[in-house]
Protein backbone atom coordinates (compact mmCIF):
# COMPACT_ATOMS: atom_id res chain seq x y z
CA UNK A 1 0.00 0.00 0.00
CA UNK A 2 1.25 3.46 -0.89
CA UNK A 3 -0.08 6.81 0.29
CA UNK A 4 0.40 9.49 -2.35
CA UNK A 5 -0.34 13.17 -1.76
CA UNK A 6 -1.40 15.46 -4.58
CA UNK A 7 -1.30 19.23 -4.11
CA UNK A 8 -3.65 20.94 -6.54
CA UNK A 9 -3.26 24.41 -8.05
CA UNK A 10 -5.76 25.56 -5.39
CA UNK A 11 -3.30 24.29 -2.71
CA UNK A 12 -5.71 21.53 -1.70
CA UNK A 13 -3.86 18.47 -0.38
CA UNK A 14 -5.43 15.17 -1.35
CA UNK A 15 -3.89 11.97 0.00
CA UNK A 16 -4.97 8.74 -1.65
CA UNK A 17 -3.99 5.11 -1.15
CA UNK A 18 -3.35 2.43 -3.71
CA UNK A 19 -1.66 -0.89 -4.26
CA UNK A 20 -1.29 -1.15 -8.04
CA UNK A 21 -1.86 0.56 -11.37
CA UNK A 22 -0.67 3.95 -12.46
CA UNK A 23 -0.64 7.03 -10.28
CA UNK A 24 -2.78 8.74 -12.94
CA UNK A 25 -5.47 6.05 -12.63
CA UNK A 26 -5.42 6.49 -8.86
CA UNK A 27 -5.80 10.27 -9.21
CA UNK A 28 -8.66 10.02 -11.70
CA UNK A 29 -10.44 7.43 -9.54
CA UNK A 30 -10.20 9.82 -6.59
CA UNK A 31 -11.24 12.93 -8.56
CA UNK A 32 -7.97 14.82 -8.11
CA UNK A 33 -8.59 18.20 -9.74
CA UNK A 34 -6.16 18.88 -12.60
CA UNK A 35 -5.42 15.25 -13.47
CA UNK A 36 -7.46 14.40 -16.56
CA UNK A 37 -5.61 11.50 -18.19
CA UNK A 38 -7.28 12.20 -21.54
CA UNK A 39 -5.16 9.65 -23.43
CA UNK A 40 -5.94 6.88 -20.96
CA UNK A 41 -2.35 6.53 -19.81
CA UNK A 42 -0.45 5.96 -23.04
CA UNK A 43 1.88 8.96 -22.63
CA UNK A 44 0.48 11.02 -25.47
CA UNK A 45 -1.27 14.06 -23.98
CA UNK A 46 0.42 15.39 -20.80
CA UNK A 47 -2.94 16.00 -19.08
CA UNK A 48 -1.54 14.21 -16.03
CA UNK A 49 1.53 16.44 -15.62
CA UNK A 50 2.80 16.67 -12.05
CA UNK A 51 5.94 17.99 -10.45
CA UNK A 52 7.52 15.73 -7.87
CA UNK A 53 8.38 17.38 -4.56
CA UNK A 54 12.16 17.90 -4.60
CA UNK A 55 12.63 15.66 -1.57
CA UNK A 56 10.85 12.74 -3.24
CA UNK A 57 12.49 12.37 -6.65
CA UNK A 58 14.28 9.20 -5.52
CA UNK A 59 10.85 7.54 -5.17
CA UNK A 60 9.81 8.22 -8.76
CA UNK A 61 13.04 7.66 -10.67
CA UNK A 62 13.71 9.33 -13.99
CA UNK A 63 11.43 9.80 -16.97
CA UNK A 64 11.77 7.55 -20.01
CA UNK A 65 12.78 9.06 -23.34
CA UNK A 66 9.19 9.02 -24.60
CA UNK A 67 7.94 10.71 -21.43
CA UNK A 68 10.72 13.32 -21.61
CA UNK A 69 9.82 14.05 -25.23
CA UNK A 70 6.17 14.60 -24.28
CA UNK A 71 7.14 16.87 -21.38
CA UNK A 72 9.28 19.01 -23.69
CA UNK A 73 6.04 20.13 -25.35
CA UNK A 74 4.70 21.52 -22.06
CA UNK A 75 5.73 25.10 -21.22
CA UNK A 76 5.34 24.37 -17.49
CA UNK A 77 7.78 21.44 -17.43
CA UNK A 78 10.89 21.55 -15.27
CA UNK A 79 13.43 19.08 -13.84
CA UNK A 80 10.81 17.76 -11.39
CA UNK A 81 8.14 17.13 -14.02
CA UNK A 82 6.64 13.70 -14.61
CA UNK A 83 3.55 12.33 -16.29
CA UNK A 84 1.79 10.41 -13.56
CA UNK A 85 0.47 7.91 -16.11
CA UNK A 86 4.06 6.71 -16.29
CA UNK A 87 4.42 6.32 -12.51
CA UNK A 88 3.37 2.98 -11.08
CA UNK A 89 1.86 2.65 -7.61
CA UNK A 90 4.29 0.59 -5.54
CA UNK A 91 5.28 0.48 -1.90
CA UNK A 92 8.36 2.52 -2.88
CA UNK A 93 6.01 5.40 -3.80
CA UNK A 94 4.66 5.59 -0.24
CA UNK A 95 4.74 9.17 1.02
CA UNK A 96 5.50 10.82 -2.32
CA UNK A 97 4.16 14.35 -2.81
CA UNK A 98 3.11 15.44 -6.31
CA UNK A 99 2.22 18.99 -7.29
CA UNK A 100 -0.49 19.09 -9.97
CA UNK A 101 0.53 21.46 -12.75
CA UNK A 102 -2.83 22.22 -14.42
PDB file of N, CA and C in Angstrom:
ATOM      1  N   UNK A   1       0.850  -1.182   0.000  1.00  0.00           N
ATOM      2  CA  UNK A   1       0.000   0.000   0.000  1.00  0.00           C
ATOM      3  C   UNK A   1       0.894   1.242   0.000  1.00  0.00           C
ATOM      4  N   UNK A   2       0.525   2.195  -0.826  1.00  0.00           N
ATOM      5  CA  UNK A   2       1.250   3.464  -0.885  1.00  0.00           C
ATOM      6  C   UNK A   2       0.275   4.610  -0.684  1.00  0.00           C
ATOM      7  N   UNK A   3       0.670   5.562   0.133  1.00  0.00           N
ATOM      8  CA  UNK A   3      -0.082   6.805   0.286  1.00  0.00           C
ATOM      9  C   UNK A   3       0.629   7.852  -0.555  1.00  0.00           C
ATOM     10  N   UNK A   4      -0.130   8.486  -1.446  1.00  0.00           N
ATOM     11  CA  UNK A   4       0.404   9.492  -2.353  1.00  0.00           C
ATOM     12  C   UNK A   4      -0.391  10.767  -2.144  1.00  0.00           C
ATOM     13  N   UNK A   5       0.317  11.885  -1.984  1.00  0.00           N
ATOM     14  CA  UNK A   5      -0.340  13.165  -1.760  1.00  0.00           C
ATOM     15  C   UNK A   5      -0.210  14.034  -2.998  1.00  0.00           C
ATOM     16  N   UNK A   6      -1.349  14.519  -3.474  1.00  0.00           N
ATOM     17  CA  UNK A   6      -1.404  15.464  -4.575  1.00  0.00           C
ATOM     18  C   UNK A   6      -1.687  16.838  -3.983  1.00  0.00           C
ATOM     19  N   UNK A   7      -1.006  17.852  -4.479  1.00  0.00           N
ATOM     20  CA  UNK A   7      -1.300  19.230  -4.110  1.00  0.00           C
ATOM     21  C   UNK A   7      -1.788  19.923  -5.373  1.00  0.00           C
ATOM     22  N   UNK A   8      -3.050  20.335  -5.357  1.00  0.00           N
ATOM     23  CA  UNK A   8      -3.649  20.944  -6.543  1.00  0.00           C
ATOM     24  C   UNK A   8      -3.206  22.398  -6.688  1.00  0.00           C
ATOM     25  N   UNK A   9      -3.563  22.989  -7.816  1.00  0.00           N
ATOM     26  CA  UNK A   9      -3.261  24.410  -8.054  1.00  0.00           C
ATOM     27  C   UNK A   9      -3.930  25.290  -7.007  1.00  0.00           C
ATOM     28  N   UNK A  10      -5.039  24.819  -6.433  1.00  0.00           N
ATOM     29  CA  UNK A  10      -5.758  25.556  -5.394  1.00  0.00           C
ATOM     30  C   UNK A  10      -5.159  25.321  -4.006  1.00  0.00           C
ATOM     31  N   UNK A  11      -4.015  24.619  -3.964  1.00  0.00           N
ATOM     32  CA  UNK A  11      -3.304  24.294  -2.712  1.00  0.00           C
ATOM     33  C   UNK A  11      -4.058  23.297  -1.838  1.00  0.00           C
ATOM     34  N   UNK A  12      -5.007  22.583  -2.432  1.00  0.00           N
ATOM     35  CA  UNK A  12      -5.707  21.529  -1.703  1.00  0.00           C
ATOM     36  C   UNK A  12      -4.819  20.287  -1.681  1.00  0.00           C
ATOM     37  N   UNK A  13      -4.640  19.696  -0.512  1.00  0.00           N
ATOM     38  CA  UNK A  13      -3.863  18.470  -0.375  1.00  0.00           C
ATOM     39  C   UNK A  13      -4.809  17.283  -0.336  1.00  0.00           C
ATOM     40  N   UNK A  14      -4.586  16.357  -1.262  1.00  0.00           N
ATOM     41  CA  UNK A  14      -5.427  15.167  -1.349  1.00  0.00           C
ATOM     42  C   UNK A  14      -4.517  13.956  -1.237  1.00  0.00           C
ATOM     43  N   UNK A  15      -4.681  13.179  -0.185  1.00  0.00           N
ATOM     44  CA  UNK A  15      -3.887  11.968   0.005  1.00  0.00           C
ATOM     45  C   UNK A  15      -4.758  10.766  -0.322  1.00  0.00           C
ATOM     46  N   UNK A  16      -4.247   9.930  -1.209  1.00  0.00           N
ATOM     47  CA  UNK A  16      -4.971   8.737  -1.650  1.00  0.00           C
ATOM     48  C   UNK A  16      -4.096   7.514  -1.403  1.00  0.00           C
ATOM     49  N   UNK A  17      -4.719   6.363  -1.367  1.00  0.00           N
ATOM     50  CA  UNK A  17      -3.994   5.114  -1.146  1.00  0.00           C
ATOM     51  C   UNK A  17      -4.246   4.167  -2.304  1.00  0.00           C
ATOM     52  N   UNK A  18      -3.203   3.412  -2.657  1.00  0.00           N
ATOM     53  CA  UNK A  18      -3.347   2.431  -3.711  1.00  0.00           C
ATOM     54  C   UNK A  18      -2.330   1.327  -3.567  1.00  0.00           C
ATOM     55  N   UNK A  19      -2.570   0.247  -4.302  1.00  0.00           N
ATOM     56  CA  UNK A  19      -1.664  -0.893  -4.256  1.00  0.00           C
ATOM     57  C   UNK A  19      -1.096  -1.249  -5.626  1.00  0.00           C
ATOM     58  N   UNK A  20      -1.766  -0.808  -6.700  1.00  0.00           N
ATOM     59  CA  UNK A  20      -1.286  -1.155  -8.037  1.00  0.00           C
ATOM     60  C   UNK A  20      -1.850  -0.175  -9.061  1.00  0.00           C
ATOM     61  N   UNK A  21      -1.410  -0.321 -10.302  1.00  0.00           N
ATOM     62  CA  UNK A  21      -1.863   0.555 -11.374  1.00  0.00           C
ATOM     63  C   UNK A  21      -1.012   1.800 -11.466  1.00  0.00           C
ATOM     64  N   UNK A  22      -1.431   2.713 -12.308  1.00  0.00           N
ATOM     65  CA  UNK A  22      -0.674   3.951 -12.460  1.00  0.00           C
ATOM     66  C   UNK A  22      -1.156   4.998 -11.464  1.00  0.00           C
ATOM     67  N   UNK A  23      -0.292   5.931 -11.172  1.00  0.00           N
ATOM     68  CA  UNK A  23      -0.638   7.034 -10.283  1.00  0.00           C
ATOM     69  C   UNK A  23      -1.743   7.875 -10.919  1.00  0.00           C
ATOM     70  N   UNK A  24      -1.734   7.994 -12.248  1.00  0.00           N
ATOM     71  CA  UNK A  24      -2.783   8.736 -12.943  1.00  0.00           C
ATOM     72  C   UNK A  24      -4.142   8.081 -12.729  1.00  0.00           C
ATOM     73  N   UNK A  25      -4.211   6.760 -12.853  1.00  0.00           N
ATOM     74  CA  UNK A  25      -5.472   6.049 -12.631  1.00  0.00           C
ATOM     75  C   UNK A  25      -5.975   6.279 -11.212  1.00  0.00           C
ATOM     76  N   UNK A  26      -5.069   6.260 -10.261  1.00  0.00           N
ATOM     77  CA  UNK A  26      -5.421   6.492  -8.859  1.00  0.00           C
ATOM     78  C   UNK A  26      -5.976   7.902  -8.671  1.00  0.00           C
ATOM     79  N   UNK A  27      -5.346   8.878  -9.313  1.00  0.00           N
ATOM     80  CA  UNK A  27      -5.797  10.270  -9.211  1.00  0.00           C
ATOM     81  C   UNK A  27      -7.170  10.452  -9.838  1.00  0.00           C
ATOM     82  N   UNK A  28      -7.370   9.893 -11.022  1.00  0.00           N
ATOM     83  CA  UNK A  28      -8.661  10.024 -11.701  1.00  0.00           C
ATOM     84  C   UNK A  28      -9.757   9.348 -10.878  1.00  0.00           C
ATOM     85  N   UNK A  29      -9.470   8.165 -10.363  1.00  0.00           N
ATOM     86  CA  UNK A  29     -10.438   7.426  -9.543  1.00  0.00           C
ATOM     87  C   UNK A  29     -10.853   8.228  -8.306  1.00  0.00           C
ATOM     88  N   UNK A  30      -9.926   9.038  -7.794  1.00  0.00           N
ATOM     89  CA  UNK A  30     -10.202   9.820  -6.586  1.00  0.00           C
ATOM     90  C   UNK A  30     -10.507  11.287  -6.880  1.00  0.00           C
ATOM     91  N   UNK A  31     -10.806  11.585  -8.144  1.00  0.00           N
ATOM     92  CA  UNK A  31     -11.237  12.927  -8.558  1.00  0.00           C
ATOM     93  C   UNK A  31     -10.260  14.033  -8.184  1.00  0.00           C
ATOM     94  N   UNK A  32      -8.975  13.784  -8.386  1.00  0.00           N
ATOM     95  CA  UNK A  32      -7.974  14.822  -8.113  1.00  0.00           C
ATOM     96  C   UNK A  32      -8.075  15.883  -9.206  1.00  0.00           C
ATOM     97  N   UNK A  33      -8.408  17.097  -8.808  1.00  0.00           N
ATOM     98  CA  UNK A  33      -8.586  18.204  -9.744  1.00  0.00           C
ATOM     99  C   UNK A  33      -7.263  18.494 -10.466  1.00  0.00           C
ATOM    100  N   UNK A  34      -7.328  18.565 -11.799  1.00  0.00           N
ATOM    101  CA  UNK A  34      -6.156  18.876 -12.603  1.00  0.00           C
ATOM    102  C   UNK A  34      -5.497  17.666 -13.235  1.00  0.00           C
ATOM    103  N   UNK A  35      -5.921  16.472 -12.854  1.00  0.00           N
ATOM    104  CA  UNK A  35      -5.419  15.245 -13.475  1.00  0.00           C
ATOM    105  C   UNK A  35      -6.555  14.691 -14.335  1.00  0.00           C
ATOM    106  N   UNK A  36      -6.408  14.830 -15.658  1.00  0.00           N
ATOM    107  CA  UNK A  36      -7.463  14.401 -16.564  1.00  0.00           C
ATOM    108  C   UNK A  36      -7.182  13.034 -17.185  1.00  0.00           C
ATOM    109  N   UNK A  37      -5.952  12.788 -17.579  1.00  0.00           N
ATOM    110  CA  UNK A  37      -5.615  11.505 -18.190  1.00  0.00           C
ATOM    111  C   UNK A  37      -6.387  11.264 -19.474  1.00  0.00           C
ATOM    112  N   UNK A  38      -6.476  12.282 -20.316  1.00  0.00           N
ATOM    113  CA  UNK A  38      -7.282  12.202 -21.537  1.00  0.00           C
ATOM    114  C   UNK A  38      -6.886  11.059 -22.465  1.00  0.00           C
ATOM    115  N   UNK A  39      -5.602  10.703 -22.499  1.00  0.00           N
ATOM    116  CA  UNK A  39      -5.164   9.652 -23.429  1.00  0.00           C
ATOM    117  C   UNK A  39      -5.301   8.258 -22.823  1.00  0.00           C
ATOM    118  N   UNK A  40      -5.752   8.180 -21.591  1.00  0.00           N
ATOM    119  CA  UNK A  40      -5.938   6.881 -20.958  1.00  0.00           C
ATOM    120  C   UNK A  40      -4.661   6.254 -20.430  1.00  0.00           C
ATOM    121  N   UNK A  41      -3.594   7.033 -20.409  1.00  0.00           N
ATOM    122  CA  UNK A  41      -2.350   6.531 -19.813  1.00  0.00           C
ATOM    123  C   UNK A  41      -1.314   6.030 -20.792  1.00  0.00           C
ATOM    124  N   UNK A  42      -1.417   6.441 -22.052  1.00  0.00           N
ATOM    125  CA  UNK A  42      -0.452   5.960 -23.042  1.00  0.00           C
ATOM    126  C   UNK A  42       0.638   6.987 -23.368  1.00  0.00           C
ATOM    127  N   UNK A  43       0.788   7.981 -22.513  1.00  0.00           N
ATOM    128  CA  UNK A  43       1.881   8.955 -22.629  1.00  0.00           C
ATOM    129  C   UNK A  43       1.806   9.757 -23.926  1.00  0.00           C
ATOM    130  N   UNK A  44       0.602  10.257 -24.223  1.00  0.00           N
ATOM    131  CA  UNK A  44       0.483  11.017 -25.466  1.00  0.00           C
ATOM    132  C   UNK A  44      -0.260  12.342 -25.327  1.00  0.00           C
ATOM    133  N   UNK A  45      -0.508  12.808 -24.078  1.00  0.00           N
ATOM    134  CA  UNK A  45      -1.270  14.059 -23.985  1.00  0.00           C
ATOM    135  C   UNK A  45      -0.776  15.026 -22.901  1.00  0.00           C
ATOM    136  N   UNK A  46      -0.099  14.554 -21.899  1.00  0.00           N
ATOM    137  CA  UNK A  46       0.419  15.387 -20.798  1.00  0.00           C
ATOM    138  C   UNK A  46      -0.671  16.028 -19.943  1.00  0.00           C
ATOM    139  N   UNK A  47      -1.883  15.466 -19.955  1.00  0.00           N
ATOM    140  CA  UNK A  47      -2.943  15.999 -19.084  1.00  0.00           C
ATOM    141  C   UNK A  47      -2.872  15.405 -17.679  1.00  0.00           C
ATOM    142  N   UNK A  48      -1.770  14.747 -17.374  1.00  0.00           N
ATOM    143  CA  UNK A  48      -1.540  14.212 -16.028  1.00  0.00           C
ATOM    144  C   UNK A  48      -0.187  14.692 -15.503  1.00  0.00           C
ATOM    145  N   UNK A  49       0.230  15.869 -15.982  1.00  0.00           N
ATOM    146  CA  UNK A  49       1.532  16.442 -15.621  1.00  0.00           C
ATOM    147  C   UNK A  49       1.552  16.826 -14.138  1.00  0.00           C
ATOM    148  N   UNK A  50       2.554  16.313 -13.451  1.00  0.00           N
ATOM    149  CA  UNK A  50       2.797  16.666 -12.053  1.00  0.00           C
ATOM    150  C   UNK A  50       4.265  17.033 -11.893  1.00  0.00           C
ATOM    151  N   UNK A  51       4.562  17.719 -10.812  1.00  0.00           N
ATOM    152  CA  UNK A  51       5.944  17.991 -10.454  1.00  0.00           C
ATOM    153  C   UNK A  51       6.194  17.349  -9.096  1.00  0.00           C
ATOM    154  N   UNK A  52       7.195  16.491  -9.070  1.00  0.00           N
ATOM    155  CA  UNK A  52       7.521  15.733  -7.869  1.00  0.00           C
ATOM    156  C   UNK A  52       8.187  16.663  -6.875  1.00  0.00           C
ATOM    157  N   UNK A  53       7.737  16.606  -5.625  1.00  0.00           N
ATOM    158  CA  UNK A  53       8.382  17.377  -4.564  1.00  0.00           C
ATOM    159  C   UNK A  53       9.875  17.047  -4.571  1.00  0.00           C
ATOM    160  N   UNK A  54      10.703  18.068  -4.471  1.00  0.00           N
ATOM    161  CA  UNK A  54      12.155  17.897  -4.596  1.00  0.00           C
ATOM    162  C   UNK A  54      12.718  16.827  -3.663  1.00  0.00           C
ATOM    163  N   UNK A  55      12.145  16.652  -2.515  1.00  0.00           N
ATOM    164  CA  UNK A  55      12.629  15.662  -1.567  1.00  0.00           C
ATOM    165  C   UNK A  55      12.187  14.240  -1.860  1.00  0.00           C
ATOM    166  N   UNK A  56      11.430  14.052  -2.948  1.00  0.00           N
ATOM    167  CA  UNK A  56      10.851  12.736  -3.238  1.00  0.00           C
ATOM    168  C   UNK A  56      11.235  12.177  -4.598  1.00  0.00           C
ATOM    169  N   UNK A  57      12.145  12.816  -5.301  1.00  0.00           N
ATOM    170  CA  UNK A  57      12.487  12.367  -6.651  1.00  0.00           C
ATOM    171  C   UNK A  57      13.099  10.974  -6.669  1.00  0.00           C
ATOM    172  N   UNK A  58      13.709  10.559  -5.571  1.00  0.00           N
ATOM    173  CA  UNK A  58      14.279   9.200  -5.521  1.00  0.00           C
ATOM    174  C   UNK A  58      13.176   8.141  -5.558  1.00  0.00           C
ATOM    175  N   UNK A  59      11.954   8.500  -5.179  1.00  0.00           N
ATOM    176  CA  UNK A  59      10.847   7.544  -5.169  1.00  0.00           C
ATOM    177  C   UNK A  59      10.241   7.339  -6.557  1.00  0.00           C
ATOM    178  N   UNK A  60      10.437   8.299  -7.437  1.00  0.00           N
ATOM    179  CA  UNK A  60       9.808   8.224  -8.757  1.00  0.00           C
ATOM    180  C   UNK A  60      10.776   7.837  -9.864  1.00  0.00           C
ATOM    181  N   UNK A  61      12.062   7.971  -9.623  1.00  0.00           N
ATOM    182  CA  UNK A  61      13.036   7.660 -10.668  1.00  0.00           C
ATOM    183  C   UNK A  61      13.034   8.724 -11.753  1.00  0.00           C
ATOM    184  N   UNK A  62      13.595   8.378 -12.894  1.00  0.00           N
ATOM    185  CA  UNK A  62      13.709   9.332 -13.993  1.00  0.00           C
ATOM    186  C   UNK A  62      12.725   8.976 -15.097  1.00  0.00           C
ATOM    187  N   UNK A  63      12.371   9.980 -15.867  1.00  0.00           N
ATOM    188  CA  UNK A  63      11.434   9.795 -16.973  1.00  0.00           C
ATOM    189  C   UNK A  63      12.091   9.028 -18.113  1.00  0.00           C
ATOM    190  N   UNK A  64      11.289   8.232 -18.808  1.00  0.00           N
ATOM    191  CA  UNK A  64      11.765   7.546 -20.011  1.00  0.00           C
ATOM    192  C   UNK A  64      11.962   8.576 -21.125  1.00  0.00           C
ATOM    193  N   UNK A  65      12.568   8.159 -22.209  1.00  0.00           N
ATOM    194  CA  UNK A  65      12.784   9.064 -23.335  1.00  0.00           C
ATOM    195  C   UNK A  65      11.460   9.548 -23.924  1.00  0.00           C
ATOM    196  N   UNK A  66      10.504   8.647 -24.048  1.00  0.00           N
ATOM    197  CA  UNK A  66       9.192   9.018 -24.597  1.00  0.00           C
ATOM    198  C   UNK A  66       8.494  10.034 -23.687  1.00  0.00           C
ATOM    199  N   UNK A  67       8.557   9.785 -22.387  1.00  0.00           N
ATOM    200  CA  UNK A  67       7.944  10.714 -21.429  1.00  0.00           C
ATOM    201  C   UNK A  67       8.640  12.067 -21.479  1.00  0.00           C
ATOM    202  N   UNK A  68       9.960  12.071 -21.524  1.00  0.00           N
ATOM    203  CA  UNK A  68      10.722  13.321 -21.612  1.00  0.00           C
ATOM    204  C   UNK A  68      10.357  14.098 -22.866  1.00  0.00           C
ATOM    205  N   UNK A  69      10.207  13.391 -23.980  1.00  0.00           N
ATOM    206  CA  UNK A  69       9.820  14.046 -25.234  1.00  0.00           C
ATOM    207  C   UNK A  69       8.460  14.705 -25.110  1.00  0.00           C
ATOM    208  N   UNK A  70       7.510  14.035 -24.464  1.00  0.00           N
ATOM    209  CA  UNK A  70       6.170  14.604 -24.280  1.00  0.00           C
ATOM    210  C   UNK A  70       6.233  15.829 -23.364  1.00  0.00           C
ATOM    211  N   UNK A  71       7.029  15.751 -22.317  1.00  0.00           N
ATOM    212  CA  UNK A  71       7.140  16.871 -21.384  1.00  0.00           C
ATOM    213  C   UNK A  71       7.795  18.092 -22.019  1.00  0.00           C
ATOM    214  N   UNK A  72       8.652  17.882 -23.005  1.00  0.00           N
ATOM    215  CA  UNK A  72       9.282  19.010 -23.695  1.00  0.00           C
ATOM    216  C   UNK A  72       8.260  19.900 -24.391  1.00  0.00           C
ATOM    217  N   UNK A  73       7.095  19.367 -24.686  1.00  0.00           N
ATOM    218  CA  UNK A  73       6.040  20.134 -25.350  1.00  0.00           C
ATOM    219  C   UNK A  73       5.227  20.980 -24.377  1.00  0.00           C
ATOM    220  N   UNK A  74       5.451  20.794 -23.087  1.00  0.00           N
ATOM    221  CA  UNK A  74       4.696  21.516 -22.056  1.00  0.00           C
ATOM    222  C   UNK A  74       5.529  22.678 -21.534  1.00  0.00           C
ATOM    223  N   UNK A  75       5.005  23.897 -21.659  1.00  0.00           N
ATOM    224  CA  UNK A  75       5.729  25.096 -21.220  1.00  0.00           C
ATOM    225  C   UNK A  75       5.987  25.119 -19.719  1.00  0.00           C
ATOM    226  N   UNK A  76       5.205  24.369 -18.947  1.00  0.00           N
ATOM    227  CA  UNK A  76       5.344  24.373 -17.490  1.00  0.00           C
ATOM    228  C   UNK A  76       6.284  23.290 -16.964  1.00  0.00           C
ATOM    229  N   UNK A  77       6.905  22.547 -17.854  1.00  0.00           N
ATOM    230  CA  UNK A  77       7.783  21.443 -17.429  1.00  0.00           C
ATOM    231  C   UNK A  77       9.088  21.976 -16.848  1.00  0.00           C
ATOM    232  N   UNK A  78       9.578  21.242 -15.845  1.00  0.00           N
ATOM    233  CA  UNK A  78      10.890  21.546 -15.267  1.00  0.00           C
ATOM    234  C   UNK A  78      11.559  20.226 -14.884  1.00  0.00           C
ATOM    235  N   UNK A  79      12.663  20.292 -14.168  1.00  0.00           N
ATOM    236  CA  UNK A  79      13.425  19.082 -13.838  1.00  0.00           C
ATOM    237  C   UNK A  79      12.679  18.134 -12.902  1.00  0.00           C
ATOM    238  N   UNK A  80      11.593  18.587 -12.289  1.00  0.00           N
ATOM    239  CA  UNK A  80      10.806  17.758 -11.385  1.00  0.00           C
ATOM    240  C   UNK A  80       9.542  17.201 -12.049  1.00  0.00           C
ATOM    241  N   UNK A  81       9.352  17.513 -13.312  1.00  0.00           N
ATOM    242  CA  UNK A  81       8.136  17.127 -14.024  1.00  0.00           C
ATOM    243  C   UNK A  81       8.102  15.641 -14.354  1.00  0.00           C
ATOM    244  N   UNK A  82       6.916  15.084 -14.205  1.00  0.00           N
ATOM    245  CA  UNK A  82       6.643  13.701 -14.608  1.00  0.00           C
ATOM    246  C   UNK A  82       5.204  13.640 -15.090  1.00  0.00           C
ATOM    247  N   UNK A  83       4.924  12.652 -15.907  1.00  0.00           N
ATOM    248  CA  UNK A  83       3.551  12.335 -16.285  1.00  0.00           C
ATOM    249  C   UNK A  83       3.131  11.200 -15.372  1.00  0.00           C
ATOM    250  N   UNK A  84       2.112  11.427 -14.564  1.00  0.00           N
ATOM    251  CA  UNK A  84       1.791  10.415 -13.560  1.00  0.00           C
ATOM    252  C   UNK A  84       1.197   9.152 -14.160  1.00  0.00           C
ATOM    253  N   UNK A  85       0.870   9.163 -15.465  1.00  0.00           N
ATOM    254  CA  UNK A  85       0.466   7.910 -16.115  1.00  0.00           C
ATOM    255  C   UNK A  85       1.659   6.968 -16.250  1.00  0.00           C
ATOM    256  N   UNK A  86       2.851   7.514 -16.152  1.00  0.00           N
ATOM    257  CA  UNK A  86       4.063   6.715 -16.289  1.00  0.00           C
ATOM    258  C   UNK A  86       4.648   6.296 -14.938  1.00  0.00           C
ATOM    259  N   UNK A  87       4.000   6.696 -13.863  1.00  0.00           N
ATOM    260  CA  UNK A  87       4.424   6.320 -12.512  1.00  0.00           C
ATOM    261  C   UNK A  87       3.527   5.193 -12.020  1.00  0.00           C
ATOM    262  N   UNK A  88       4.126   4.120 -11.595  1.00  0.00           N
ATOM    263  CA  UNK A  88       3.372   2.982 -11.084  1.00  0.00           C
ATOM    264  C   UNK A  88       3.251   3.051  -9.565  1.00  0.00           C
ATOM    265  N   UNK A  89       2.093   2.702  -9.053  1.00  0.00           N
ATOM    266  CA  UNK A  89       1.864   2.650  -7.611  1.00  0.00           C
ATOM    267  C   UNK A  89       2.581   1.417  -7.073  1.00  0.00           C
ATOM    268  N   UNK A  90       3.557   1.658  -6.219  1.00  0.00           N
ATOM    269  CA  UNK A  90       4.291   0.592  -5.544  1.00  0.00           C
ATOM    270  C   UNK A  90       4.530   1.034  -4.109  1.00  0.00           C
ATOM    271  N   UNK A  91       4.966   0.120  -3.281  1.00  0.00           N
ATOM    272  CA  UNK A  91       5.283   0.483  -1.901  1.00  0.00           C
ATOM    273  C   UNK A  91       6.378   1.539  -1.852  1.00  0.00           C
ATOM    274  N   UNK A  92       7.278   1.530  -2.835  1.00  0.00           N
ATOM    275  CA  UNK A  92       8.362   2.517  -2.883  1.00  0.00           C
ATOM    276  C   UNK A  92       7.836   3.940  -3.061  1.00  0.00           C
ATOM    277  N   UNK A  93       6.615   4.083  -3.587  1.00  0.00           N
ATOM    278  CA  UNK A  93       6.009   5.402  -3.802  1.00  0.00           C
ATOM    279  C   UNK A  93       5.351   5.960  -2.535  1.00  0.00           C
ATOM    280  N   UNK A  94       5.324   5.172  -1.471  1.00  0.00           N
ATOM    281  CA  UNK A  94       4.662   5.594  -0.243  1.00  0.00           C
ATOM    282  C   UNK A  94       5.234   6.919   0.259  1.00  0.00           C
ATOM    283  N   UNK A  95       4.358   7.880   0.475  1.00  0.00           N
ATOM    284  CA  UNK A  95       4.741   9.173   1.020  1.00  0.00           C
ATOM    285  C   UNK A  95       5.106  10.219  -0.010  1.00  0.00           C
ATOM    286  N   UNK A  96       5.112   9.860  -1.296  1.00  0.00           N
ATOM    287  CA  UNK A  96       5.496  10.817  -2.316  1.00  0.00           C
ATOM    288  C   UNK A  96       4.492  11.969  -2.383  1.00  0.00           C
ATOM    289  N   UNK A  97       4.997  13.151  -2.672  1.00  0.00           N
ATOM    290  CA  UNK A  97       4.165  14.352  -2.809  1.00  0.00           C
ATOM    291  C   UNK A  97       4.304  14.833  -4.259  1.00  0.00           C
ATOM    292  N   UNK A  98       3.152  15.016  -4.911  1.00  0.00           N
ATOM    293  CA  UNK A  98       3.114  15.436  -6.308  1.00  0.00           C
ATOM    294  C   UNK A  98       2.304  16.713  -6.433  1.00  0.00           C
ATOM    295  N   UNK A  99       2.895  17.712  -7.053  1.00  0.00           N
ATOM    296  CA  UNK A  99       2.217  18.990  -7.293  1.00  0.00           C
ATOM    297  C   UNK A  99       1.568  18.945  -8.673  1.00  0.00           C
ATOM    298  N   UNK A 100       0.253  19.117  -8.711  1.00  0.00           N
ATOM    299  CA  UNK A 100      -0.495  19.090  -9.967  1.00  0.00           C
ATOM    300  C   UNK A 100      -0.222  20.383 -10.712  1.00  0.00           C
ATOM    301  N   UNK A 101       0.130  20.285 -11.985  1.00  0.00           N
ATOM    302  CA  UNK A 101       0.532  21.456 -12.752  1.00  0.00           C
ATOM    303  C   UNK A 101      -0.659  22.219 -13.320  1.00  0.00           C
ATOM    304  N   UNK A 102      -1.683  21.541 -13.777  1.00  0.00           N
ATOM    305  CA  UNK A 102      -2.829  22.218 -14.421  1.00  0.00           C
ATOM    306  C   UNK A 102      -3.982  22.413 -13.480  1.00  0.00           C
TER     307      UNK A 102
END
